[in-house]
Amino acid sequence: MTEGSLPQLEFWCELQCPDCRTALDDVRALRERYGDALTISLRHFPLEKHKHAYAAAEAAEEAFAQGRGWPFVEAVLARVDELDKRGQQLLLEVAAQVGLDAEEVELALIDGRHTLVVDADQAEGKAIGVTGTPTYLVAGKRLDGGQSQQGLLERITELLEA
């Protein structure tokens, strides 16, 4: 890390998780504060209790491949309750709304082209002790946001600026 640069922030997320929707406020605040100086990586940790989380992670990877990853993630998280009821139909609707090639997103869900990325994220998450979402990894420290978001933004900022 060069002097003056920031460590990367990994945001371990599940797109059917209401707590991750809340955590987006912190992610937006960090983006606003640090701009391009901070790299925020979305890492997938779909939980078995949410039946559409895995497909949502795959669709998000396709959205990133099409250059609209964060808008897609934010739009899906904004409709997390609806995702539970509508599943893939909602994912494709959101894809079209944020300017993605929805047919390509659907094809990616069928052909599984992003399965390895999602599986690798999930395995790495388990290896580093992620047990739920949201979880943050910054400067080698894991912060669990699943219990409470309170104070996390301040703690992340401290770690980034240390």
Protein backbone atom coordinates (compact mmCIF):
# COMPACT_ATOMS: atom_id res chain seq x y z
CA MET A 1 0.00 0.00 0.00
CA THR A 2 1.46 3.34 -1.00
CA GLU A 3 1.49 6.25 1.40
CA GLY A 4 -1.83 8.04 1.35
CA SER A 5 -3.70 5.17 -0.26
CA LEU A 6 -6.53 3.37 1.45
CA PRO A 7 -6.91 -0.35 2.08
CA GLN A 8 -9.62 -2.07 0.09
CA LEU A 9 -13.00 -2.60 1.75
CA GLU A 10 -14.71 -5.91 1.17
CA PHE A 11 -18.47 -5.77 1.64
CA TRP A 12 -19.74 -9.32 2.22
CA CYS A 13 -23.34 -9.14 1.19
CA GLU A 14 -26.42 -11.17 0.43
CA LEU A 15 -28.95 -9.58 -1.88
CA GLN A 16 -31.97 -10.98 -0.06
CA CYS A 17 -30.78 -9.68 3.34
CA PRO A 18 -32.66 -6.72 4.87
CA ASP A 19 -29.60 -5.85 7.00
CA CYS A 20 -27.54 -5.50 3.81
CA ARG A 21 -30.10 -3.02 2.51
CA THR A 22 -29.52 -0.97 5.67
CA ALA A 23 -25.74 -1.35 5.30
CA LEU A 24 -25.89 0.35 1.90
CA ASP A 25 -26.25 3.68 3.71
CA ASP A 26 -22.79 3.15 5.20
CA VAL A 27 -21.36 2.04 1.84
CA ARG A 28 -22.79 5.16 0.18
CA ALA A 29 -21.36 7.37 2.95
CA LEU A 30 -17.92 5.81 2.48
CA ARG A 31 -18.11 6.32 -1.30
CA GLU A 32 -19.10 9.94 -0.77
CA ARG A 33 -16.28 10.55 1.69
CA TYR A 34 -13.44 8.80 -0.16
CA GLY A 35 -14.58 8.70 -3.78
CA ASP A 36 -12.29 6.78 -6.11
CA ALA A 37 -9.56 6.55 -3.44
CA LEU A 38 -11.51 3.70 -1.83
CA THR A 39 -12.10 0.43 -3.63
CA ILE A 40 -15.22 -1.30 -2.35
CA SER A 41 -15.52 -4.91 -3.47
CA LEU A 42 -18.82 -6.71 -3.27
CA ARG A 43 -18.31 -10.26 -2.03
CA HIS A 44 -21.12 -12.79 -2.14
CA PHE A 45 -22.31 -14.75 0.85
CA PRO A 46 -25.74 -16.14 -0.07
CA LEU A 47 -27.45 -17.76 2.89
CA GLU A 48 -29.41 -20.99 2.55
CA LYS A 49 -32.42 -19.50 4.33
CA HIS A 50 -33.02 -17.14 1.39
CA LYS A 51 -34.07 -19.13 -1.66
CA HIS A 52 -33.27 -16.44 -4.26
CA ALA A 53 -29.98 -15.17 -2.79
CA TYR A 54 -27.75 -17.41 -4.90
CA ALA A 55 -29.44 -16.44 -8.18
CA ALA A 56 -29.27 -12.79 -7.10
CA ALA A 57 -25.51 -13.14 -6.54
CA GLU A 58 -25.08 -14.67 -10.00
CA ALA A 59 -27.19 -11.91 -11.56
CA ALA A 60 -25.10 -9.30 -9.73
CA GLU A 61 -21.92 -10.80 -11.19
CA GLU A 62 -23.44 -10.50 -14.67
CA ALA A 63 -24.40 -6.90 -13.85
CA PHE A 64 -20.77 -6.15 -12.92
CA ALA A 65 -19.65 -7.86 -16.16
CA GLN A 66 -21.99 -5.47 -18.03
CA GLY A 67 -20.61 -2.46 -16.12
CA ARG A 68 -23.71 -1.77 -13.99
CA GLY A 69 -23.01 -3.86 -10.90
CA TRP A 70 -23.55 -1.34 -8.12
CA PRO A 71 -26.74 0.15 -9.61
CA PHE A 72 -28.12 -3.40 -9.90
CA VAL A 73 -27.10 -4.34 -6.34
CA GLU A 74 -28.64 -1.18 -4.91
CA ALA A 75 -31.87 -1.65 -6.89
CA VAL A 76 -32.25 -5.30 -5.81
CA LEU A 77 -31.54 -4.49 -2.16
CA ALA A 78 -34.13 -1.69 -2.32
CA ARG A 79 -36.69 -4.37 -3.20
CA VAL A 80 -35.43 -7.14 -0.91
CA ASP A 81 -38.93 -7.99 0.38
CA GLU A 82 -40.23 -8.32 -3.15
CA LEU A 83 -37.33 -10.59 -4.14
CA ASP A 84 -38.57 -13.18 -1.66
CA LYS A 85 -41.91 -13.37 -3.47
CA ARG A 86 -40.90 -12.81 -7.12
CA GLY A 87 -37.41 -14.32 -7.39
CA GLN A 88 -35.86 -14.45 -10.84
CA GLN A 89 -38.69 -12.43 -12.39
CA LEU A 90 -37.73 -9.48 -10.16
CA LEU A 91 -34.02 -9.89 -10.93
CA LEU A 92 -34.70 -9.65 -14.66
CA GLU A 93 -37.06 -6.69 -14.19
CA VAL A 94 -34.43 -4.82 -12.15
CA ALA A 95 -31.77 -5.71 -14.72
CA ALA A 96 -33.80 -4.04 -17.48
CA GLN A 97 -34.57 -1.02 -15.27
CA VAL A 98 -30.88 -0.31 -14.58
CA GLY A 99 -29.94 -0.62 -18.25
CA LEU A 100 -28.62 -4.17 -18.42
CA ASP A 101 -29.19 -6.64 -21.21
CA ALA A 102 -31.83 -8.61 -19.27
CA GLU A 103 -31.76 -11.47 -21.78
CA GLU A 104 -28.03 -11.86 -21.10
CA VAL A 105 -28.68 -11.82 -17.34
CA GLU A 106 -31.28 -14.57 -17.82
CA LEU A 107 -28.84 -16.56 -19.94
CA ALA A 108 -26.15 -16.17 -17.25
CA LEU A 109 -28.57 -17.61 -14.69
CA ILE A 110 -29.29 -20.55 -17.00
CA ASP A 111 -25.72 -21.33 -18.08
CA GLY A 112 -24.17 -20.75 -14.65
CA ARG A 113 -21.25 -18.69 -15.95
CA HIS A 114 -20.82 -16.93 -12.59
CA THR A 115 -21.33 -19.97 -10.34
CA LEU A 116 -17.60 -20.38 -9.70
CA VAL A 117 -17.22 -16.76 -8.55
CA VAL A 118 -20.15 -17.02 -6.14
CA ASP A 119 -18.95 -20.41 -4.84
CA ALA A 120 -15.40 -19.08 -4.38
CA ASP A 121 -16.66 -16.03 -2.47
CA GLN A 122 -18.79 -18.22 -0.23
CA ALA A 123 -15.89 -20.59 0.48
CA GLU A 124 -13.49 -17.73 1.20
CA GLY A 125 -16.05 -16.08 3.44
CA LYS A 126 -16.42 -19.25 5.48
CA ALA A 127 -12.61 -19.58 5.66
CA ILE A 128 -12.18 -16.09 7.12
CA GLY A 129 -15.04 -16.47 9.58
CA VAL A 130 -17.97 -14.78 7.84
CA THR A 131 -21.12 -16.28 9.34
CA GLY A 132 -23.73 -13.76 8.20
CA THR A 133 -24.29 -10.56 6.30
CA PRO A 134 -23.41 -7.79 6.15
CA THR A 135 -19.78 -8.34 7.10
CA TYR A 136 -16.93 -6.00 6.27
CA LEU A 137 -13.25 -6.80 5.88
CA VAL A 138 -10.97 -3.78 6.07
CA ALA A 139 -7.27 -3.57 6.91
CA GLY A 140 -7.30 -7.24 7.86
CA LYS A 141 -10.12 -6.78 10.38
CA ARG A 142 -13.52 -8.44 10.08
CA LEU A 143 -16.51 -6.41 11.25
CA ASP A 144 -19.89 -8.10 11.63
CA GLY A 145 -22.79 -5.85 10.70
CA GLY A 146 -25.44 -8.54 11.10
CA GLN A 147 -25.88 -7.87 14.81
CA SER A 148 -25.91 -4.09 14.59
CA GLN A 149 -24.84 -1.42 12.14
CA GLN A 150 -24.42 1.06 14.97
CA GLY A 151 -20.89 2.45 15.12
CA LEU A 152 -19.66 0.43 12.14
CA LEU A 153 -19.21 3.40 9.83
CA GLU A 154 -16.98 5.07 12.42
CA ARG A 155 -14.99 1.86 13.00
CA ILE A 156 -14.49 1.32 9.25
CA THR A 157 -13.35 4.94 8.87
CA GLU A 158 -10.84 4.50 11.73
CA LEU A 159 -9.41 1.38 10.09
CA LEU A 160 -9.21 3.02 6.68
CA GLU A 161 -7.38 6.03 8.04
CA ALA A 162 -5.06 4.19 10.46
